[in-house]
Every structure is written in structure tokens, then in C-alpha cells.
Amino acid sequence: MMEEIFLHLSGPHSALPAMVQILADFASFDALQFTPQLKGVLSRVLPILGNVRDVHRPIFANAFKCWCQACWQYDVDFPLFSLLDGDVISFLNSAFELLLRVWATSRDLKVRTSTIEALGQMVGLIPRIQLKAALPRLVPTILDLYKKDQDVVFLATCSLHNLLNASLLSESGPPLLDFEDLTLILSILLPVVCINNNSKDCADFSLGLKTYNEVQHCFLTVGVVYPEDLFVFLLNKCRLKEQPLTFGALCVFKHLLPRLLEAWHSKRPSLVEAVTVLLEERSLGVRKVLSELIVVMASHCYLIGPSGELFVEYLVCNCALKDQGRDDFESSKEFSKSSGTYYPFQNKRLEVKIEAVCSTELRTICEKGLLLITITIPEMEHVLWPFLLKMIIPRDYTDAVATVCKCISELCRRRSSHSDVMLSECKDRTDIPHPQELFARLLVLLHNPLARELLATQILTVRGFLIFT
């Protein structure tokens, strides 16, 4: 079959796109059979590459993407270096230079996008010397696509992720990019987290979620190499209190905290301080991701002492929210001269939004989060007990009492054999309400047995565990 295709490749130009597409499909379908033929394919395609018209360039670019993907798939089962001899590397170098120098600067968006996809797969196969020389042109070319639609942004982010992996995580040498070189990339990536994923269209939601995950992969790649620099970068974005940047930074913290736990161990006080400052934030979108981050912090023992109780009260406060409308935030897409901050996505069809969140969603997240840290994190017992008893009394937290009682019941059930210790812990603290106050408060709340979250049931259950004397 390959001989027939090679014969057509040297035939009339009208048949070339179809033959190249067949080779691309072959590579996607059977990488193990195709990859050993790569040298023959490149030797025949490369001479005609410079004469390919714009209308056919996406087909050729997609073919290079598929061929490179086949190489990576082949490398899973067999050593790839045995096939990448000097000739193959030379062919790839020539194709890479042509695509980057000519095709990636095309006015046709489809050509540019398909070319960036191909280059994103090729960066791991070309020599590091060539990659380093190409970075000043390749990085701006990729970042320029962030002004386009969401589907283009996803493709650009995938290529950027591959580029960061090839530039930073190679075993054959030091990182090719300093953190100072990465700040522009990270600043453009951060607002991508805010792309609104609440579309009713399943395809749009899936694309938004995949884009979000790719962005997090990019930040993780940078964090593995420059953990302290990335921490400071994200912390500074939180302190700016510009909602898109704050939201994005909190999302990245939430994702990276478990993965860079050891590298960020000494940074705990700084993160706790930054989160404490943000507790006054009114945006429901920011409060949602902040609540999720607090739960992640709790699972890694960040919530200790007074700050831990403050964060627990923050969750309780959000558990008491009443149903309200959605809180949408749309950021500016212009260059702010006063702040010097650049926001991408200048195309009107792609809007940067903090995810639309209603109070019901935020309340549900906090209720589940509070129960989660109560049930699954033993280290939180000393923070939650007897502090949660204080959360029953305030009138503003009335709608959270059912969840608080459920958490107290779980704590008492788990420590039922240490009831004397629990009672003494209550008496040792002067800020804990007296038993008479708790009893009276719970008795008053029983007036509405049909309240949400089975309030009456939760009160009676916790009453069975607590001993009021």
C-alpha cells in the first residue's frame, strides 16, 4: 500500500492532498505500523511542502500533527530513538522551520491554527538547540491565538502545554525558559480559567472543561520547575483583588496545592494570610472557589488554630445563604493603563467571565465541604470541636444549623467513647455557649419541623449526643 501512495505523491499535484490525508489517517489508526515508514513519508512530502497552497495547508499541517502523535504512541511500546536517525531529524527540522516561519504567520486563521497544532506536537521531536532558537517566534505566535474563539484557545493551550513540557522538563538539559520569560504566558493563561462553562450546550461545556484542565497542566509544568516563583506570582495576583485574576489564581492554587505540597510547605503562613484577606470578597464566584480551596487546605492540615476556626466559620456563613439570583462578572478585555495588566480575548465572541454562580450552588458546595472535612479529616476534629457549638447560636447562621448539627453528630459519634474528654474541652473554653443557651436555641428552632435539610431531625439527633447539664 505504501508503495502505491508514494507513487501518487510524485504524481499530479491534485492528488497530493488526498494522499497526505490517507497517510494522516493511517498514522492515527495504526501508529505502530506507520512510524517505521516515517522516513520514507517525510522524504517524499518535504520537497513539495514549499509549494502547497493555502487552501491545502491545513491538510498537510494536520498530517504532520498525526505523524508526530504516532511517534509518541510508538514510543510507549518501542524505543523511538532507533527510528529518529539523522535523516529523519533533518526532515523534521526543515518542516518545523517552514511551518513556523511561513505557515504560522498566514492570514488564514485555519492555517495558523492547524500549524500551531502541528508545531505543538513537533516541539518534543526536534533538537533542543533548534527549539531554543524558535522560542522567541513560537511563543508569541501561540499567544496570539488567545484573542480568538474558545475552540481556538483550547488548541493553543494544548500546544502551549506541549511546548512547556519540551522546554522545561527535558532530561537532556536545563530549562530553556527562565521564570521571567514565563510571566507573560502565565498572565495570559490565568484569565482563561474564567471562561464561562455554564453553557447548556454539552459540547461547549466539555470544551470549556478541557481548556480549564489544559491550563492547569500548564501551571503544574511551570510549578514543578519553579515552585517558589509560581507561588509568589499567584499570591501577588490574589492581592491585586482584580476579580478575574483572583478567581484564576485561586483555581490554580486549588489544583496545585496537593501536587506541590512538599515544595510549598514553607509557604503555608503566606497562603493562609492571603486567603484570610479574601474572606471579605463579595463575588459569589470568588467565594465559591475560595470555599473549595479552604476544603483542600483543610485536607492538608492548613487549618489550625484561630485561622482554622475563621475558615470554618466562613464555610458556615456560606451554608446560611438564602436563595438569590446569579452573580455574573464580566471582566474588561482592554489594556488597563492604570494597572498595566493585559487581558486577552479581545474577540467579542469569547467573553471572560467568572463562572455564573447562584447562592444555592455556593451553599451546597459549603455544606458538602463542611461535612467532608468533618467526616474524612481526623486532624480537623480539634478545630471543629467544640467550636461548632458556637455556630448554633448566631441568628445570621440559622439556615446553617442543620448542617452544623449534622457535623456535630458525626464528631460525637466518632468520639463517643471519649464523651468526658469532649465535655471537659467545652468547659475549658470560655467562648463556648452554656448548655442552657444551646438547649434553648435548639428548642426554639424545633418550631419548624419541615425546615430544609431536615432541621428537626438533625436537632433531635445532635440532642441525643449532647448532654446538657
Protein backbone atom coordinates (compact mmCIF):
# COMPACT_ATOMS: atom_id res chain seq x y z
CA MET A 1 0.00 0.00 0.00
CA MET A 2 2.78 2.44 0.91
CA GLU A 3 4.43 1.97 -2.49
CA GLU A 4 1.20 2.96 -4.25
CA ILE A 5 0.80 6.05 -2.06
CA PHE A 6 4.43 7.03 -2.60
CA LEU A 7 3.84 6.69 -6.34
CA HIS A 8 0.89 9.08 -6.16
CA LEU A 9 2.93 11.55 -4.09
CA SER A 10 5.22 12.01 -7.08
CA GLY A 11 2.27 12.32 -9.45
CA PRO A 12 -0.14 15.18 -10.28
CA HIS A 13 -0.46 17.90 -7.63
CA SER A 14 -4.23 17.49 -7.50
CA ALA A 15 -3.83 14.08 -5.84
CA LEU A 16 -1.36 15.20 -3.18
CA PRO A 17 -3.81 16.43 -0.51
CA ALA A 18 -5.80 13.20 -0.70
CA MET A 19 -2.67 11.07 -0.40
CA VAL A 20 -1.39 13.09 2.54
CA GLN A 21 -4.77 12.76 4.24
CA ILE A 22 -4.63 8.99 3.76
CA LEU A 23 -1.21 8.92 5.41
CA ALA A 24 -2.52 11.02 8.29
CA ASP A 25 -5.43 8.63 8.80
CA PHE A 26 -3.06 5.68 8.62
CA ALA A 27 -0.86 7.20 11.34
CA SER A 28 -3.86 7.84 13.57
CA PHE A 29 -5.28 4.36 13.04
CA ASP A 30 -2.11 2.28 13.38
CA ALA A 31 0.84 4.16 14.85
CA LEU A 32 2.97 1.04 15.26
CA GLN A 33 2.77 0.22 11.56
CA PHE A 34 3.13 3.79 10.34
CA THR A 35 6.03 5.10 12.41
CA PRO A 36 8.71 2.85 10.81
CA GLN A 37 7.60 4.35 7.47
CA LEU A 38 8.05 7.94 8.66
CA LYS A 39 11.40 8.44 6.97
CA GLY A 40 10.02 7.44 3.58
CA VAL A 41 6.97 9.66 4.04
CA LEU A 42 8.97 12.74 5.03
CA SER A 43 11.49 12.27 2.23
CA ARG A 44 8.66 12.45 -0.31
CA VAL A 45 6.46 15.09 1.33
CA LEU A 46 9.16 17.60 2.25
CA PRO A 47 10.19 18.52 -1.34
CA ILE A 48 6.62 19.53 -2.18
CA LEU A 49 5.86 21.27 1.12
CA GLY A 50 7.03 24.69 0.00
CA ASN A 51 4.62 24.73 -2.94
CA VAL A 52 1.48 23.81 -1.02
CA ARG A 53 -1.27 26.38 -1.47
CA ASP A 54 -3.05 27.99 1.50
CA VAL A 55 -6.23 26.04 0.90
CA HIS A 56 -4.37 22.74 1.32
CA ARG A 57 -2.03 23.74 4.14
CA PRO A 58 -4.42 22.68 6.95
CA ILE A 59 -4.43 19.15 5.49
CA PHE A 60 -0.64 18.98 5.46
CA ALA A 61 -0.34 20.56 8.92
CA ASN A 62 -2.85 18.08 10.32
CA ALA A 63 -0.85 15.27 8.73
CA PHE A 64 2.33 16.40 10.48
CA LYS A 65 0.40 16.52 13.74
CA CYS A 66 -0.86 12.96 13.24
CA TRP A 67 2.57 11.69 12.24
CA CYS A 68 4.19 13.18 15.34
CA GLN A 69 1.43 11.80 17.55
CA ALA A 70 2.08 8.39 16.02
CA CYS A 71 5.73 8.73 17.03
CA TRP A 72 4.78 9.44 20.64
CA GLN A 73 2.39 6.49 20.65
CA TYR A 74 5.07 4.26 19.15
CA ASP A 75 7.48 5.37 21.87
CA VAL A 76 5.18 3.88 24.51
CA ASP A 77 5.92 0.33 23.30
CA PHE A 78 9.23 0.63 21.47
CA PRO A 79 12.29 2.89 21.67
CA LEU A 80 11.69 5.80 19.32
CA PHE A 81 15.30 6.91 19.09
CA SER A 82 16.11 3.91 16.88
CA LEU A 83 13.86 5.37 14.16
CA LEU A 84 14.82 9.02 14.57
CA ASP A 85 18.12 8.91 12.73
CA GLY A 86 19.92 11.92 11.34
CA ASP A 87 17.85 12.00 8.16
CA VAL A 88 14.51 11.96 9.98
CA ILE A 89 15.66 14.69 12.38
CA SER A 90 16.85 16.77 9.43
CA PHE A 91 13.49 16.36 7.69
CA LEU A 92 11.62 17.35 10.86
CA ASN A 93 13.87 20.37 11.36
CA SER A 94 13.20 21.59 7.83
CA ALA A 95 9.45 21.08 8.15
CA PHE A 96 9.40 22.78 11.56
CA GLU A 97 11.22 25.85 10.23
CA LEU A 98 8.92 26.16 7.22
CA LEU A 99 5.76 25.81 9.30
CA LEU A 100 6.95 28.29 11.91
CA ARG A 101 8.40 30.86 9.51
CA VAL A 102 5.72 30.84 6.80
CA TRP A 103 2.56 28.91 7.65
CA ALA A 104 2.19 30.09 11.26
CA THR A 105 2.09 33.70 10.06
CA SER A 106 -0.64 33.11 7.48
CA ARG A 107 -3.62 35.45 7.46
CA ASP A 108 -5.90 32.43 7.27
CA LEU A 109 -6.92 31.50 10.83
CA LYS A 110 -7.50 27.87 9.90
CA VAL A 111 -3.97 27.61 8.52
CA ARG A 112 -2.48 29.27 11.62
CA THR A 113 -4.46 27.09 14.00
CA SER A 114 -3.65 23.80 12.28
CA THR A 115 0.00 24.84 12.02
CA ILE A 116 0.22 25.62 15.74
CA GLU A 117 -1.30 22.21 16.47
CA ALA A 118 1.37 20.57 14.33
CA LEU A 119 4.19 22.60 15.88
CA GLY A 120 2.88 21.68 19.33
CA GLN A 121 3.43 18.02 18.51
CA MET A 122 6.79 18.59 16.83
CA VAL A 123 8.48 20.52 19.67
CA GLY A 124 9.37 17.33 21.51
CA LEU A 125 10.99 15.72 18.47
CA ILE A 126 13.31 18.47 17.27
CA PRO A 127 16.72 19.13 18.88
CA ARG A 128 16.78 21.42 21.91
CA ILE A 129 19.11 23.85 20.14
CA GLN A 130 16.56 24.41 17.40
CA LEU A 131 13.72 24.62 19.92
CA LYS A 132 15.55 27.27 21.94
CA ALA A 133 16.16 29.32 18.81
CA ALA A 134 12.50 29.01 17.83
CA LEU A 135 11.02 30.08 21.19
CA PRO A 136 11.13 33.87 20.55
CA ARG A 137 8.94 33.35 17.48
CA LEU A 138 6.88 30.35 18.55
CA VAL A 139 5.65 31.62 21.93
CA PRO A 140 4.17 34.92 20.63
CA THR A 141 2.59 33.06 17.72
CA ILE A 142 0.77 30.72 20.11
CA LEU A 143 -0.23 33.51 22.49
CA ASP A 144 -1.70 35.49 19.61
CA LEU A 145 -4.37 32.79 19.23
CA TYR A 146 -5.74 33.63 22.69
CA LYS A 147 -7.56 36.55 21.10
CA LYS A 148 -9.79 34.13 19.20
CA ASP A 149 -12.73 31.84 19.93
CA GLN A 150 -12.82 29.25 22.69
CA ASP A 151 -12.16 26.29 20.40
CA VAL A 152 -9.02 28.02 19.11
CA VAL A 153 -7.97 28.83 22.68
CA PHE A 154 -8.20 25.14 23.58
CA LEU A 155 -5.97 24.12 20.68
CA ALA A 156 -3.49 26.87 21.54
CA THR A 157 -3.39 25.75 25.18
CA CYS A 158 -2.71 22.14 24.18
CA SER A 159 0.22 23.26 22.04
CA LEU A 160 1.44 25.57 24.79
CA HIS A 161 1.34 22.70 27.26
CA ASN A 162 3.47 20.56 24.94
CA LEU A 163 5.87 23.46 24.43
CA LEU A 164 6.27 23.98 28.18
CA ASN A 165 6.91 20.27 28.69
CA ALA A 166 9.56 20.22 25.99
CA SER A 167 11.18 23.45 27.18
CA LEU A 168 11.14 22.89 30.94
CA LEU A 169 11.03 19.17 31.70
CA SER A 170 13.61 17.74 29.33
CA GLU A 171 16.11 15.34 30.89
CA SER A 172 18.81 16.37 28.44
CA GLY A 173 19.43 19.85 29.78
CA PRO A 174 18.33 22.78 31.95
CA PRO A 175 15.06 24.64 31.34
CA LEU A 176 15.07 26.72 28.16
CA LEU A 177 12.86 29.41 29.71
CA ASP A 178 13.51 31.42 32.87
CA PHE A 179 10.56 32.25 35.07
CA GLU A 180 10.77 35.86 33.93
CA ASP A 181 10.16 34.59 30.39
CA LEU A 182 7.10 32.71 31.62
CA THR A 183 5.32 35.57 33.39
CA LEU A 184 3.65 36.84 30.22
CA ILE A 185 2.49 33.32 29.37
CA LEU A 186 1.08 32.79 32.86
CA SER A 187 -0.60 36.21 32.89
CA ILE A 188 -2.41 35.37 29.66
CA LEU A 189 -3.32 31.87 30.84
CA LEU A 190 -4.77 32.99 34.16
CA PRO A 191 -7.95 34.65 32.80
CA VAL A 192 -8.60 31.56 30.65
CA VAL A 193 -9.70 29.84 33.86
CA CYS A 194 -12.58 32.31 33.99
CA ILE A 195 -14.11 31.23 30.69
CA ASN A 196 -17.77 30.69 31.46
CA ASN A 197 -18.51 26.95 31.37
CA ASN A 198 -22.18 27.19 32.29
CA SER A 199 -23.38 26.75 28.73
CA LYS A 200 -26.35 24.46 28.29
CA ASP A 201 -24.64 23.07 25.21
CA CYS A 202 -22.83 19.91 26.29
CA ALA A 203 -20.19 20.40 23.61
CA ASP A 204 -19.39 23.91 24.85
CA PHE A 205 -19.23 22.72 28.45
CA SER A 206 -16.92 19.86 27.51
CA LEU A 207 -14.65 22.20 25.57
CA GLY A 208 -14.52 24.66 28.45
CA LEU A 209 -13.67 21.90 30.90
CA LYS A 210 -10.92 20.52 28.67
CA THR A 211 -9.48 24.01 28.25
CA TYR A 212 -9.53 24.50 32.03
CA ASN A 213 -7.68 21.22 32.54
CA GLU A 214 -5.04 22.08 29.95
CA VAL A 215 -4.44 25.43 31.63
CA GLN A 216 -3.94 23.67 34.95
CA HIS A 217 -1.48 21.28 33.30
CA CYS A 218 0.49 24.28 32.04
CA PHE A 219 0.68 25.78 35.52
CA LEU A 220 1.69 22.43 37.01
CA THR A 221 4.52 22.08 34.49
CA VAL A 222 5.82 25.50 35.50
CA GLY A 223 5.28 24.73 39.18
CA VAL A 224 7.36 21.57 39.05
CA VAL A 225 10.37 23.57 37.81
CA TYR A 226 9.77 26.92 39.53
CA PRO A 227 7.57 26.19 42.58
CA GLU A 228 8.54 29.21 44.69
CA ASP A 229 8.38 31.68 41.83
CA LEU A 230 4.97 30.41 40.79
CA PHE A 231 3.69 30.63 44.36
CA VAL A 232 4.74 34.28 44.61
CA PHE A 233 3.23 35.00 41.20
CA LEU A 234 -0.16 33.56 42.19
CA LEU A 235 -0.08 35.21 45.59
CA ASN A 236 0.51 38.61 44.01
CA LYS A 237 -2.42 38.06 41.65
CA CYS A 238 -4.65 37.34 44.64
CA ARG A 239 -3.51 40.52 46.36
CA LEU A 240 -4.41 42.64 43.35
CA LYS A 241 -8.09 41.92 44.08
CA GLU A 242 -8.98 42.09 40.39
CA GLN A 243 -11.72 39.50 40.18
CA PRO A 244 -10.65 37.59 37.03
CA LEU A 245 -7.07 37.32 38.28
CA THR A 246 -8.11 36.47 41.84
CA PHE A 247 -10.52 33.82 40.61
CA GLY A 248 -7.92 32.32 38.30
CA ALA A 249 -5.18 32.33 40.94
CA LEU A 250 -7.44 30.64 43.50
CA CYS A 251 -8.39 27.96 40.97
CA VAL A 252 -4.72 27.28 40.27
CA PHE A 253 -3.92 27.17 43.99
CA LYS A 254 -6.75 24.69 44.50
CA HIS A 255 -5.41 22.45 41.74
CA LEU A 256 -1.70 22.66 42.57
CA LEU A 257 -1.74 22.62 46.36
CA PRO A 258 -1.97 18.80 46.66
CA ARG A 259 0.54 18.34 43.84
CA LEU A 260 3.18 20.77 45.11
CA LEU A 261 2.55 20.15 48.79
CA GLU A 262 6.15 19.47 49.71
CA ALA A 263 7.58 22.31 47.63
CA TRP A 264 5.09 24.78 49.12
CA HIS A 265 5.30 23.52 52.70
CA SER A 266 7.17 26.59 53.95
CA LYS A 267 4.64 28.88 52.26
CA ARG A 268 1.71 27.94 54.50
CA PRO A 269 1.57 31.17 56.53
CA SER A 270 1.61 33.28 53.37
CA LEU A 271 -1.25 31.36 51.79
CA VAL A 272 -3.30 31.43 54.98
CA GLU A 273 -2.79 35.19 55.21
CA ALA A 274 -3.81 35.74 51.59
CA VAL A 275 -6.94 33.61 51.96
CA THR A 276 -7.86 35.43 55.17
CA VAL A 277 -7.78 38.77 53.37
CA LEU A 278 -10.09 37.42 50.66
CA LEU A 279 -12.78 36.30 53.11
CA GLU A 280 -14.44 39.70 52.69
CA GLU A 281 -14.83 39.22 48.93
CA ARG A 282 -18.46 39.62 47.87
CA SER A 283 -18.40 37.98 44.44
CA LEU A 284 -20.18 34.62 44.64
CA GLY A 285 -17.83 33.20 42.01
CA VAL A 286 -14.75 34.07 44.05
CA ARG A 287 -16.43 32.86 47.25
CA LYS A 288 -17.18 29.53 45.59
CA VAL A 289 -13.61 28.81 44.56
CA LEU A 290 -12.34 30.22 47.87
CA SER A 291 -14.56 27.77 49.76
CA GLU A 292 -13.27 24.91 47.62
CA LEU A 293 -9.69 25.99 48.31
CA ILE A 294 -10.38 26.07 52.06
CA VAL A 295 -11.56 22.45 51.90
CA VAL A 296 -8.38 21.49 50.03
CA MET A 297 -6.30 23.37 52.60
CA ALA A 298 -8.11 21.53 55.40
CA SER A 299 -7.23 18.18 53.86
CA HIS A 300 -3.55 19.12 54.05
CA CYS A 301 -3.56 20.49 57.59
CA TYR A 302 -3.50 24.19 56.73
CA LEU A 303 -6.46 24.91 59.03
CA ILE A 304 -5.03 25.13 62.52
CA GLY A 305 -5.58 27.47 65.46
CA PRO A 306 -7.63 30.67 65.21
CA SER A 307 -7.26 30.89 61.43
CA GLY A 308 -8.71 27.40 61.12
CA GLU A 309 -11.77 28.42 63.12
CA LEU A 310 -12.11 31.54 61.00
CA PHE A 311 -12.18 29.45 57.81
CA VAL A 312 -14.69 27.02 59.32
CA GLU A 313 -16.94 29.94 60.23
CA TYR A 314 -16.62 31.18 56.65
CA LEU A 315 -17.98 27.86 55.41
CA VAL A 316 -20.80 28.00 57.97
CA CYS A 317 -21.61 31.56 56.91
CA ASN A 318 -22.00 30.42 53.30
CA CYS A 319 -24.09 27.46 54.42
CA ALA A 320 -26.58 30.01 55.77
CA LEU A 321 -27.06 31.78 52.43
CA LYS A 322 -30.58 32.29 51.19
CA ASP A 323 -31.66 31.75 47.59
CA GLN A 324 -30.78 34.70 45.39
CA GLY A 325 -30.07 35.45 41.76
CA ARG A 326 -26.90 34.70 39.91
CA ASP A 327 -23.80 36.78 40.33
CA ASP A 328 -22.17 37.26 36.95
CA PHE A 329 -18.98 39.12 36.46
CA GLU A 330 -17.57 40.15 33.10
CA SER A 331 -14.07 41.48 33.12
CA SER A 332 -12.69 44.18 30.94
CA LYS A 333 -10.99 42.94 27.82
CA GLU A 334 -8.91 46.03 27.32
CA PHE A 335 -5.44 47.03 28.33
CA SER A 336 -5.66 48.90 31.59
CA LYS A 337 -3.10 51.67 31.56
CA SER A 338 -3.55 52.34 35.24
CA SER A 339 -2.79 48.79 36.35
CA GLY A 340 -0.60 47.77 33.44
CA THR A 341 -2.50 44.49 33.19
CA TYR A 342 -3.19 42.88 29.84
CA TYR A 343 -6.36 40.85 29.40
CA PRO A 344 -6.51 38.69 26.29
CA PHE A 345 -9.68 37.57 24.47
CA GLN A 346 -10.24 40.80 22.60
CA ASN A 347 -12.55 38.98 20.20
CA LYS A 348 -16.12 39.80 21.18
CA ARG A 349 -17.26 36.21 20.71
CA LEU A 350 -15.13 34.96 23.59
CA GLU A 351 -16.03 36.62 26.86
CA VAL A 352 -14.02 36.27 30.03
CA LYS A 353 -16.44 35.60 32.85
CA ILE A 354 -16.19 34.35 36.33
CA GLU A 355 -18.42 31.33 36.33
CA ALA A 356 -22.01 32.36 37.00
CA VAL A 357 -22.82 31.14 40.49
CA CYS A 358 -26.03 31.39 42.45
CA SER A 359 -26.22 31.36 46.22
CA THR A 360 -27.80 27.89 46.20
CA GLU A 361 -24.74 26.44 44.44
CA LEU A 362 -22.36 28.16 46.83
CA ARG A 363 -24.38 26.98 49.83
CA THR A 364 -24.41 23.38 48.57
CA ILE A 365 -20.65 23.40 48.00
CA CYS A 366 -20.00 24.70 51.51
CA GLU A 367 -22.40 22.22 53.10
CA LYS A 368 -20.70 19.32 51.36
CA GLY A 369 -17.28 20.75 52.12
CA LEU A 370 -18.01 21.16 55.82
CA LEU A 371 -19.32 17.60 56.05
CA LEU A 372 -16.35 16.32 54.08
CA ILE A 373 -13.72 17.81 56.38
CA THR A 374 -15.72 16.62 59.40
CA ILE A 375 -16.02 13.02 58.26
CA THR A 376 -12.78 12.39 56.38
CA ILE A 377 -10.09 14.52 58.06
CA PRO A 378 -9.31 13.38 61.63
CA GLU A 379 -6.91 16.30 62.13
CA MET A 380 -9.85 18.71 61.85
CA GLU A 381 -11.57 17.36 64.97
CA HIS A 382 -9.59 19.66 67.24
CA VAL A 383 -10.59 22.65 65.12
CA LEU A 384 -14.25 21.73 64.77
CA TRP A 385 -14.89 20.69 68.36
CA PRO A 386 -16.13 22.43 70.37
CA PHE A 387 -16.01 25.44 68.03
CA LEU A 388 -19.05 24.29 66.01
CA LEU A 389 -21.23 24.70 69.10
CA LYS A 390 -20.69 28.46 68.77
CA MET A 391 -22.15 28.35 65.25
CA ILE A 392 -25.56 27.27 66.55
CA ILE A 393 -26.29 30.49 68.43
CA PRO A 394 -25.94 33.40 65.91
CA ARG A 395 -29.22 34.31 64.28
CA ASP A 396 -27.47 35.01 60.97
CA TYR A 397 -26.43 31.35 60.81
CA THR A 398 -29.91 29.92 61.40
CA ASP A 399 -30.12 28.40 57.92
CA ALA A 400 -26.83 26.60 58.54
CA VAL A 401 -27.85 24.96 61.82
CA ALA A 402 -28.97 21.71 60.17
CA THR A 403 -25.55 21.23 58.57
CA VAL A 404 -23.76 22.27 61.76
CA CYS A 405 -25.80 19.78 63.79
CA LYS A 406 -25.04 17.04 61.31
CA CYS A 407 -21.31 17.76 61.66
CA ILE A 408 -21.53 17.81 65.46
CA SER A 409 -23.36 14.48 65.42
CA GLU A 410 -20.60 12.97 63.28
CA LEU A 411 -17.94 14.24 65.68
CA CYS A 412 -19.81 12.91 68.71
CA ARG A 413 -20.44 9.57 67.04
CA ARG A 414 -16.77 9.15 66.27
CA ARG A 415 -15.69 10.20 69.75
CA SER A 416 -18.50 8.56 71.69
CA SER A 417 -16.01 6.68 73.86
CA HIS A 418 -14.42 9.97 74.89
CA SER A 419 -17.52 11.88 75.96
CA ASP A 420 -15.89 13.02 79.20
CA VAL A 421 -12.99 14.50 77.27
CA MET A 422 -15.36 16.29 74.91
CA LEU A 423 -17.28 17.75 77.83
CA SER A 424 -14.11 18.95 79.51
CA GLU A 425 -12.99 20.58 76.25
CA CYS A 426 -16.21 22.56 76.26
CA LYS A 427 -15.75 23.69 79.84
CA ASP A 428 -12.14 24.71 79.22
CA ARG A 429 -13.21 27.34 76.71
CA THR A 430 -14.98 30.43 77.94
CA ASP A 431 -16.26 31.40 74.49
CA ILE A 432 -18.43 28.28 74.09
CA PRO A 433 -22.16 28.84 74.84
CA HIS A 434 -23.53 27.45 78.07
CA PRO A 435 -25.60 24.25 77.84
CA GLN A 436 -28.74 26.21 78.73
CA GLU A 437 -28.18 28.57 75.78
CA LEU A 438 -27.69 25.70 73.37
CA PHE A 439 -30.74 23.85 74.65
CA ALA A 440 -32.93 26.94 74.39
CA ARG A 441 -31.68 27.76 70.91
CA LEU A 442 -32.28 24.25 69.59
CA LEU A 443 -35.70 24.11 71.24
CA VAL A 444 -36.76 27.33 69.53
CA LEU A 445 -35.57 26.04 66.15
CA LEU A 446 -37.77 22.96 66.52
CA HIS A 447 -40.83 25.12 65.89
CA ASN A 448 -40.44 24.46 62.16
CA PRO A 449 -40.11 20.67 61.73
CA LEU A 450 -40.37 20.94 57.93
CA ALA A 451 -37.44 23.31 57.53
CA ARG A 452 -34.94 22.44 54.81
CA GLU A 453 -32.15 19.96 55.36
CA LEU A 454 -34.34 18.05 57.84
CA LEU A 455 -33.54 20.59 60.54
CA ALA A 456 -35.76 18.99 63.18
CA THR A 457 -34.23 15.55 62.59
CA GLN A 458 -30.71 16.94 62.84
CA ILE A 459 -31.52 18.82 66.04
CA LEU A 460 -33.04 15.75 67.70
CA THR A 461 -30.07 13.64 66.60
CA VAL A 462 -27.49 16.03 67.97
CA ARG A 463 -29.59 16.43 71.13
CA GLY A 464 -29.16 12.72 71.72
CA PHE A 465 -25.39 13.08 71.66
CA LEU A 466 -25.06 16.28 73.67
CA ILE A 467 -25.55 16.14 77.40
CA PHE A 468 -26.86 19.42 78.75
CA THR A 469 -26.30 19.78 82.42
